[in-house]
PDB file of N, CA and C in Angstrom:
ATOM      1  N   UNK A   1     202.416 156.222 153.834  1.00  0.00           N
ATOM      2  CA  UNK A   1     202.098 155.124 154.703  1.00  0.00           C
ATOM      3  C   UNK A   1     203.218 154.096 154.641  1.00  0.00           C
ATOM      4  N   UNK A   2     203.636 153.619 155.751  1.00  0.00           N
ATOM      5  CA  UNK A   2     204.649 152.570 155.815  1.00  0.00           C
ATOM      6  C   UNK A   2     204.011 151.214 155.561  1.00  0.00           C
ATOM      7  N   UNK A   3     204.698 150.375 154.820  1.00  0.00           N
ATOM      8  CA  UNK A   3     204.232 149.014 154.564  1.00  0.00           C
ATOM      9  C   UNK A   3     205.378 148.072 154.905  1.00  0.00           C
ATOM     10  N   UNK A   4     205.308 147.466 156.082  1.00  0.00           N
ATOM     11  CA  UNK A   4     206.378 146.599 156.556  1.00  0.00           C
ATOM     12  C   UNK A   4     206.563 145.359 155.688  1.00  0.00           C
ATOM     13  N   UNK A   5     205.581 145.047 154.868  1.00  0.00           N
ATOM     14  CA  UNK A   5     205.625 143.822 154.077  1.00  0.00           C
ATOM     15  C   UNK A   5     205.863 144.078 152.585  1.00  0.00           C
ATOM     16  N   UNK A   6     206.204 145.285 152.212  1.00  0.00           N
ATOM     17  CA  UNK A   6     206.375 145.663 150.805  1.00  0.00           C
ATOM     18  C   UNK A   6     207.451 144.841 150.098  1.00  0.00           C
ATOM     19  N   UNK A   7     208.450 144.380 150.820  1.00  0.00           N
ATOM     20  CA  UNK A   7     209.544 143.635 150.192  1.00  0.00           C
ATOM     21  C   UNK A   7     209.288 142.127 150.136  1.00  0.00           C
ATOM     22  N   UNK A   8     208.169 141.695 150.691  1.00  0.00           N
ATOM     23  CA  UNK A   8     207.840 140.270 150.684  1.00  0.00           C
ATOM     24  C   UNK A   8     207.050 139.933 149.421  1.00  0.00           C
ATOM     25  N   UNK A   9     207.269 138.733 148.889  1.00  0.00           N
ATOM     26  CA  UNK A   9     206.443 138.299 147.762  1.00  0.00           C
ATOM     27  C   UNK A   9     205.110 137.787 148.311  1.00  0.00           C
ATOM     28  N   UNK A  10     204.050 137.979 147.528  1.00  0.00           N
ATOM     29  CA  UNK A  10     202.723 137.566 147.954  1.00  0.00           C
ATOM     30  C   UNK A  10     202.397 136.227 147.316  1.00  0.00           C
ATOM     31  N   UNK A  11     202.243 135.217 148.121  1.00  0.00           N
ATOM     32  CA  UNK A  11     201.846 133.899 147.637  1.00  0.00           C
ATOM     33  C   UNK A  11     200.338 133.805 147.559  1.00  0.00           C
ATOM     34  N   UNK A  12     199.854 132.723 146.994  1.00  0.00           N
ATOM     35  CA  UNK A  12     198.417 132.531 146.828  1.00  0.00           C
ATOM     36  C   UNK A  12     197.700 132.423 148.178  1.00  0.00           C
ATOM     37  N   UNK A  13     198.400 132.035 149.231  1.00  0.00           N
ATOM     38  CA  UNK A  13     197.759 131.915 150.542  1.00  0.00           C
ATOM     39  C   UNK A  13     197.837 133.207 151.351  1.00  0.00           C
ATOM     40  N   UNK A  14     198.545 134.195 150.836  1.00  0.00           N
ATOM     41  CA  UNK A  14     198.656 135.471 151.534  1.00  0.00           C
ATOM     42  C   UNK A  14     197.387 136.294 151.392  1.00  0.00           C
ATOM     43  N   UNK A  15     197.292 137.380 152.124  1.00  0.00           N
ATOM     44  CA  UNK A  15     196.100 138.230 152.048  1.00  0.00           C
ATOM     45  C   UNK A  15     195.993 138.938 150.692  1.00  0.00           C
ATOM     46  N   UNK A  16     194.779 139.256 150.338  1.00  0.00           N
ATOM     47  CA  UNK A  16     194.534 139.963 149.082  1.00  0.00           C
ATOM     48  C   UNK A  16     195.173 141.343 149.134  1.00  0.00           C
ATOM     49  N   UNK A  17     195.651 141.796 147.986  1.00  0.00           N
ATOM     50  CA  UNK A  17     196.241 143.125 147.888  1.00  0.00           C
ATOM     51  C   UNK A  17     195.340 144.098 147.147  1.00  0.00           C
ATOM     52  N   UNK A  18     194.279 143.571 146.532  1.00  0.00           N
ATOM     53  CA  UNK A  18     193.380 144.416 145.754  1.00  0.00           C
ATOM     54  C   UNK A  18     191.960 143.894 145.895  1.00  0.00           C
ATOM     55  N   UNK A  19     191.003 144.796 145.861  1.00  0.00           N
ATOM     56  CA  UNK A  19     189.579 144.455 145.899  1.00  0.00           C
ATOM     57  C   UNK A  19     188.897 145.254 144.807  1.00  0.00           C
ATOM     58  N   UNK A  20     188.006 144.592 144.051  1.00  0.00           N
ATOM     59  CA  UNK A  20     187.314 145.282 142.976  1.00  0.00           C
ATOM     60  C   UNK A  20     185.883 144.791 142.843  1.00  0.00           C
ATOM     61  N   UNK A  21     185.002 145.714 142.499  1.00  0.00           N
ATOM     62  CA  UNK A  21     183.597 145.387 142.302  1.00  0.00           C
ATOM     63  C   UNK A  21     183.437 144.492 141.087  1.00  0.00           C
ATOM     64  N   UNK A  22     182.548 143.510 141.205  1.00  0.00           N
ATOM     65  CA  UNK A  22     182.260 142.626 140.085  1.00  0.00           C
ATOM     66  C   UNK A  22     180.797 142.770 139.701  1.00  0.00           C
ATOM     67  N   UNK A  23     180.578 143.078 138.441  1.00  0.00           N
ATOM     68  CA  UNK A  23     179.228 143.100 137.880  1.00  0.00           C
ATOM     69  C   UNK A  23     179.123 141.854 136.997  1.00  0.00           C
ATOM     70  N   UNK A  24     178.314 140.881 137.414  1.00  0.00           N
ATOM     71  CA  UNK A  24     178.225 139.638 136.649  1.00  0.00           C
ATOM     72  C   UNK A  24     177.886 139.889 135.184  1.00  0.00           C
ATOM     73  N   UNK A  25     178.556 139.120 134.311  1.00  0.00           N
ATOM     74  CA  UNK A  25     178.392 139.279 132.873  1.00  0.00           C
ATOM     75  C   UNK A  25     178.614 137.922 132.217  1.00  0.00           C
ATOM     76  N   UNK A  26     177.669 137.508 131.388  1.00  0.00           N
ATOM     77  CA  UNK A  26     177.756 136.189 130.766  1.00  0.00           C
ATOM     78  C   UNK A  26     178.805 136.083 129.666  1.00  0.00           C
ATOM     79  N   UNK A  27     179.274 137.204 129.131  1.00  0.00           N
ATOM     80  CA  UNK A  27     180.160 137.126 127.970  1.00  0.00           C
ATOM     81  C   UNK A  27     181.534 137.766 128.150  1.00  0.00           C
ATOM     82  N   UNK A  28     181.798 138.390 129.289  1.00  0.00           N
ATOM     83  CA  UNK A  28     183.093 139.065 129.466  1.00  0.00           C
ATOM     84  C   UNK A  28     183.839 138.543 130.686  1.00  0.00           C
ATOM     85  N   UNK A  29     185.143 138.308 130.487  1.00  0.00           N
ATOM     86  CA  UNK A  29     186.003 137.928 131.605  1.00  0.00           C
ATOM     87  C   UNK A  29     186.275 139.148 132.481  1.00  0.00           C
ATOM     88  N   UNK A  30     186.688 138.896 133.705  1.00  0.00           N
ATOM     89  CA  UNK A  30     187.084 139.958 134.621  1.00  0.00           C
ATOM     90  C   UNK A  30     188.396 140.583 134.134  1.00  0.00           C
ATOM     91  N   UNK A  31     188.687 141.775 134.597  1.00  0.00           N
ATOM     92  CA  UNK A  31     189.939 142.441 134.235  1.00  0.00           C
ATOM     93  C   UNK A  31     191.140 141.666 134.771  1.00  0.00           C
ATOM     94  N   UNK A  32     190.982 141.022 135.919  1.00  0.00           N
ATOM     95  CA  UNK A  32     192.030 140.159 136.463  1.00  0.00           C
ATOM     96  C   UNK A  32     191.375 139.017 137.225  1.00  0.00           C
ATOM     97  N   UNK A  33     192.081 137.914 137.315  1.00  0.00           N
ATOM     98  CA  UNK A  33     191.566 136.746 138.031  1.00  0.00           C
ATOM     99  C   UNK A  33     191.482 137.036 139.525  1.00  0.00           C
ATOM    100  N   UNK A  34     190.558 136.376 140.182  1.00  0.00           N
ATOM    101  CA  UNK A  34     190.396 136.569 141.626  1.00  0.00           C
ATOM    102  C   UNK A  34     191.226 135.551 142.399  1.00  0.00           C
ATOM    103  N   UNK A  35     191.434 135.872 143.640  1.00  0.00           N
ATOM    104  CA  UNK A  35     191.986 134.961 144.638  1.00  0.00           C
ATOM    105  C   UNK A  35     190.840 134.421 145.481  1.00  0.00           C
ATOM    106  N   UNK A  36     189.817 135.294 145.605  1.00  0.00           N
ATOM    107  CA  UNK A  36     188.633 134.957 146.399  1.00  0.00           C
ATOM    108  C   UNK A  36     187.488 135.875 145.985  1.00  0.00           C
ATOM    109  N   UNK A  37     186.277 135.471 146.352  1.00  0.00           N
ATOM    110  CA  UNK A  37     185.083 136.294 146.163  1.00  0.00           C
ATOM    111  C   UNK A  37     184.490 136.599 147.521  1.00  0.00           C
ATOM    112  N   UNK A  38     183.840 137.733 147.620  1.00  0.00           N
ATOM    113  CA  UNK A  38     183.110 138.121 148.813  1.00  0.00           C
ATOM    114  C   UNK A  38     181.806 138.734 148.348  1.00  0.00           C
ATOM    115  N   UNK A  39     180.722 138.478 149.075  1.00  0.00           N
ATOM    116  CA  UNK A  39     179.421 139.030 148.700  1.00  0.00           C
ATOM    117  C   UNK A  39     178.776 139.730 149.884  1.00  0.00           C
ATOM    118  N   UNK A  40     177.927 140.709 149.606  1.00  0.00           N
ATOM    119  CA  UNK A  40     177.186 141.414 150.650  1.00  0.00           C
ATOM    120  C   UNK A  40     175.937 140.639 151.040  1.00  0.00           C
ATOM    121  N   UNK A  41     175.313 139.977 150.049  1.00  0.00           N
ATOM    122  CA  UNK A  41     174.108 139.182 150.285  1.00  0.00           C
ATOM    123  C   UNK A  41     174.375 137.763 149.798  1.00  0.00           C
ATOM    124  N   UNK A  42     174.252 136.792 150.708  1.00  0.00           N
ATOM    125  CA  UNK A  42     174.521 135.391 150.393  1.00  0.00           C
ATOM    126  C   UNK A  42     173.717 134.894 149.207  1.00  0.00           C
ATOM    127  N   UNK A  43     174.292 133.940 148.492  1.00  0.00           N
ATOM    128  CA  UNK A  43     173.577 133.318 147.391  1.00  0.00           C
ATOM    129  C   UNK A  43     174.510 132.581 146.463  1.00  0.00           C
ATOM    130  N   UNK A  44     173.950 132.089 145.379  1.00  0.00           N
ATOM    131  CA  UNK A  44     174.749 131.364 144.403  1.00  0.00           C
ATOM    132  C   UNK A  44     175.512 132.332 143.510  1.00  0.00           C
ATOM    133  N   UNK A  45     176.690 131.887 143.091  1.00  0.00           N
ATOM    134  CA  UNK A  45     177.507 132.641 142.147  1.00  0.00           C
ATOM    135  C   UNK A  45     177.968 131.641 141.086  1.00  0.00           C
ATOM    136  N   UNK A  46     177.660 131.929 139.847  1.00  0.00           N
ATOM    137  CA  UNK A  46     178.086 131.078 138.733  1.00  0.00           C
ATOM    138  C   UNK A  46     179.385 131.653 138.194  1.00  0.00           C
ATOM    139  N   UNK A  47     180.436 130.841 138.206  1.00  0.00           N
ATOM    140  CA  UNK A  47     181.771 131.303 137.829  1.00  0.00           C
ATOM    141  C   UNK A  47     182.397 130.399 136.780  1.00  0.00           C
ATOM    142  N   UNK A  48     183.342 130.980 136.065  1.00  0.00           N
ATOM    143  CA  UNK A  48     184.265 130.206 135.247  1.00  0.00           C
ATOM    144  C   UNK A  48     185.634 130.399 135.887  1.00  0.00           C
ATOM    145  N   UNK A  49     186.289 129.292 136.216  1.00  0.00           N
ATOM    146  CA  UNK A  49     187.585 129.355 136.882  1.00  0.00           C
ATOM    147  C   UNK A  49     188.688 129.661 135.877  1.00  0.00           C
ATOM    148  N   UNK A  50     189.872 129.946 136.391  1.00  0.00           N
ATOM    149  CA  UNK A  50     191.000 130.230 135.512  1.00  0.00           C
ATOM    150  C   UNK A  50     191.357 129.017 134.652  1.00  0.00           C
ATOM    151  N   UNK A  51     190.985 127.824 135.097  1.00  0.00           N
ATOM    152  CA  UNK A  51     191.267 126.620 134.308  1.00  0.00           C
ATOM    153  C   UNK A  51     190.177 126.322 133.287  1.00  0.00           C
ATOM    154  N   UNK A  52     189.062 127.110 133.316  1.00  0.00           N
ATOM    155  CA  UNK A  52     188.016 126.961 132.309  1.00  0.00           C
ATOM    156  C   UNK A  52     186.781 126.209 132.746  1.00  0.00           C
ATOM    157  N   UNK A  53     186.727 125.740 133.977  1.00  0.00           N
ATOM    158  CA  UNK A  53     185.554 125.044 134.486  1.00  0.00           C
ATOM    159  C   UNK A  53     184.479 126.049 134.878  1.00  0.00           C
ATOM    160  N   UNK A  54     183.239 125.788 134.467  1.00  0.00           N
ATOM    161  CA  UNK A  54     182.118 126.640 134.858  1.00  0.00           C
ATOM    162  C   UNK A  54     181.244 125.866 135.828  1.00  0.00           C
ATOM    163  N   UNK A  55     180.935 126.483 136.969  1.00  0.00           N
ATOM    164  CA  UNK A  55     180.137 125.829 138.007  1.00  0.00           C
ATOM    165  C   UNK A  55     179.447 126.889 138.859  1.00  0.00           C
ATOM    166  N   UNK A  56     178.475 126.436 139.617  1.00  0.00           N
ATOM    167  CA  UNK A  56     177.768 127.313 140.551  1.00  0.00           C
ATOM    168  C   UNK A  56     178.207 126.975 141.965  1.00  0.00           C
ATOM    169  N   UNK A  57     178.574 128.005 142.725  1.00  0.00           N
ATOM    170  CA  UNK A  57     178.973 127.832 144.118  1.00  0.00           C
ATOM    171  C   UNK A  57     178.100 128.728 144.983  1.00  0.00           C
ATOM    172  N   UNK A  58     177.961 128.365 146.246  1.00  0.00           N
ATOM    173  CA  UNK A  58     177.215 129.180 147.194  1.00  0.00           C
ATOM    174  C   UNK A  58     178.223 129.970 148.012  1.00  0.00           C
ATOM    175  N   UNK A  59     178.027 131.285 148.071  1.00  0.00           N
ATOM    176  CA  UNK A  59     178.936 132.149 148.823  1.00  0.00           C
ATOM    177  C   UNK A  59     178.146 132.842 149.933  1.00  0.00           C
ATOM    178  N   UNK A  60     178.618 132.687 151.164  1.00  0.00           N
ATOM    179  CA  UNK A  60     177.974 133.320 152.316  1.00  0.00           C
ATOM    180  C   UNK A  60     178.448 134.764 152.459  1.00  0.00           C
ATOM    181  N   UNK A  61     177.546 135.618 152.859  1.00  0.00           N
ATOM    182  CA  UNK A  61     177.860 137.045 153.020  1.00  0.00           C
ATOM    183  C   UNK A  61     178.978 137.245 154.033  1.00  0.00           C
ATOM    184  N   UNK A  62     179.921 138.106 153.664  1.00  0.00           N
ATOM    185  CA  UNK A  62     180.979 138.492 154.581  1.00  0.00           C
ATOM    186  C   UNK A  62     182.119 137.506 154.715  1.00  0.00           C
ATOM    187  N   UNK A  63     182.083 136.426 153.953  1.00  0.00           N
ATOM    188  CA  UNK A  63     183.120 135.402 154.050  1.00  0.00           C
ATOM    189  C   UNK A  63     183.901 135.360 152.735  1.00  0.00           C
ATOM    190  N   UNK A  64     185.211 135.398 152.822  1.00  0.00           N
ATOM    191  CA  UNK A  64     186.035 135.286 151.617  1.00  0.00           C
ATOM    192  C   UNK A  64     185.981 133.836 151.143  1.00  0.00           C
ATOM    193  N   UNK A  65     185.472 133.635 149.941  1.00  0.00           N
ATOM    194  CA  UNK A  65     185.360 132.305 149.344  1.00  0.00           C
ATOM    195  C   UNK A  65     186.531 132.137 148.388  1.00  0.00           C
ATOM    196  N   UNK A  66     187.506 131.286 148.724  1.00  0.00           N
ATOM    197  CA  UNK A  66     188.712 131.179 147.903  1.00  0.00           C
ATOM    198  C   UNK A  66     188.425 130.486 146.568  1.00  0.00           C
ATOM    199  N   UNK A  67     188.507 131.240 145.488  1.00  0.00           N
ATOM    200  CA  UNK A  67     188.314 130.678 144.156  1.00  0.00           C
ATOM    201  C   UNK A  67     189.015 131.561 143.135  1.00  0.00           C
ATOM    202  N   UNK A  68     189.733 130.935 142.228  1.00  0.00           N
ATOM    203  CA  UNK A  68     190.442 131.642 141.168  1.00  0.00           C
ATOM    204  C   UNK A  68     189.507 131.727 139.974  1.00  0.00           C
ATOM    205  N   UNK A  69     188.703 132.778 139.944  1.00  0.00           N
ATOM    206  CA  UNK A  69     187.696 132.960 138.897  1.00  0.00           C
ATOM    207  C   UNK A  69     188.180 133.935 137.849  1.00  0.00           C
ATOM    208  N   UNK A  70     187.832 133.641 136.595  1.00  0.00           N
ATOM    209  CA  UNK A  70     188.127 134.588 135.518  1.00  0.00           C
ATOM    210  C   UNK A  70     186.864 135.251 135.001  1.00  0.00           C
ATOM    211  N   UNK A  71     185.673 134.662 135.335  1.00  0.00           N
ATOM    212  CA  UNK A  71     184.403 135.245 134.913  1.00  0.00           C
ATOM    213  C   UNK A  71     183.349 134.951 135.980  1.00  0.00           C
ATOM    214  N   UNK A  72     182.495 135.931 136.241  1.00  0.00           N
ATOM    215  CA  UNK A  72     181.314 135.740 137.078  1.00  0.00           C
ATOM    216  C   UNK A  72     180.124 135.986 136.173  1.00  0.00           C
ATOM    217  N   UNK A  73     179.329 134.957 135.986  1.00  0.00           N
ATOM    218  CA  UNK A  73     178.207 135.019 135.053  1.00  0.00           C
ATOM    219  C   UNK A  73     176.957 135.595 135.716  1.00  0.00           C
ATOM    220  N   UNK A  74     176.171 136.322 134.952  1.00  0.00           N
ATOM    221  CA  UNK A  74     174.903 136.869 135.448  1.00  0.00           C
ATOM    222  C   UNK A  74     173.868 135.755 135.590  1.00  0.00           C
ATOM    223  N   UNK A  75     173.807 134.888 134.582  1.00  0.00           N
ATOM    224  CA  UNK A  75     172.863 133.773 134.606  1.00  0.00           C
ATOM    225  C   UNK A  75     173.311 132.774 135.658  1.00  0.00           C
ATOM    226  N   UNK A  76     172.459 132.521 136.629  1.00  0.00           N
ATOM    227  CA  UNK A  76     172.781 131.580 137.698  1.00  0.00           C
ATOM    228  C   UNK A  76     173.354 132.222 138.937  1.00  0.00           C
ATOM    229  N   UNK A  77     173.572 133.542 138.914  1.00  0.00           N
ATOM    230  CA  UNK A  77     174.096 134.248 140.080  1.00  0.00           C
ATOM    231  C   UNK A  77     172.967 134.980 140.795  1.00  0.00           C
ATOM    232  N   UNK A  78     172.785 134.641 142.074  1.00  0.00           N
ATOM    233  CA  UNK A  78     171.752 135.291 142.890  1.00  0.00           C
ATOM    234  C   UNK A  78     172.354 136.203 143.960  1.00  0.00           C
ATOM    235  N   UNK A  79     173.591 135.936 144.353  1.00  0.00           N
ATOM    236  CA  UNK A  79     174.251 136.774 145.349  1.00  0.00           C
ATOM    237  C   UNK A  79     174.424 138.184 144.788  1.00  0.00           C
ATOM    238  N   UNK A  80     174.461 139.163 145.681  1.00  0.00           N
ATOM    239  CA  UNK A  80     174.659 140.550 145.254  1.00  0.00           C
ATOM    240  C   UNK A  80     175.780 141.190 146.069  1.00  0.00           C
ATOM    241  N   UNK A  81     176.243 142.325 145.579  1.00  0.00           N
ATOM    242  CA  UNK A  81     177.341 143.020 146.247  1.00  0.00           C
ATOM    243  C   UNK A  81     178.626 142.226 146.143  1.00  0.00           C
ATOM    244  N   UNK A  82     178.917 141.719 144.953  1.00  0.00           N
ATOM    245  CA  UNK A  82     180.066 140.838 144.751  1.00  0.00           C
ATOM    246  C   UNK A  82     181.338 141.650 144.553  1.00  0.00           C
ATOM    247  N   UNK A  83     182.371 141.268 145.270  1.00  0.00           N
ATOM    248  CA  UNK A  83     183.695 141.866 145.073  1.00  0.00           C
ATOM    249  C   UNK A  83     184.705 140.754 144.848  1.00  0.00           C
ATOM    250  N   UNK A  84     185.673 141.047 144.005  1.00  0.00           N
ATOM    251  CA  UNK A  84     186.790 140.135 143.779  1.00  0.00           C
ATOM    252  C   UNK A  84     187.955 140.567 144.637  1.00  0.00           C
ATOM    253  N   UNK A  85     188.676 139.614 145.131  1.00  0.00           N
ATOM    254  CA  UNK A  85     189.869 139.878 145.921  1.00  0.00           C
ATOM    255  C   UNK A  85     191.055 139.284 145.167  1.00  0.00           C
ATOM    256  N   UNK A  86     192.078 140.084 144.956  1.00  0.00           N
ATOM    257  CA  UNK A  86     193.230 139.617 144.190  1.00  0.00           C
ATOM    258  C   UNK A  86     194.523 139.933 144.909  1.00  0.00           C
TER     259      UNK A  86
END
């Protein structure tokens, strides 16, 4: 497959290059930090950001929610079908 943009650097405002399933966990960080979250079913998502702040955010289904998260907690998370975009 040709990738016309392979030689360009990807900035934080560029499109995600990777997507991975997230299973919320109160004690484990994600394998890599996110650029954004996306959910299949809208609801609250409790996250710890890369800077260490823990908060609850509301994420609408099908919308990329820009947040640099290092952990998605099970406690306080109601949204389902969560994917990380990096």
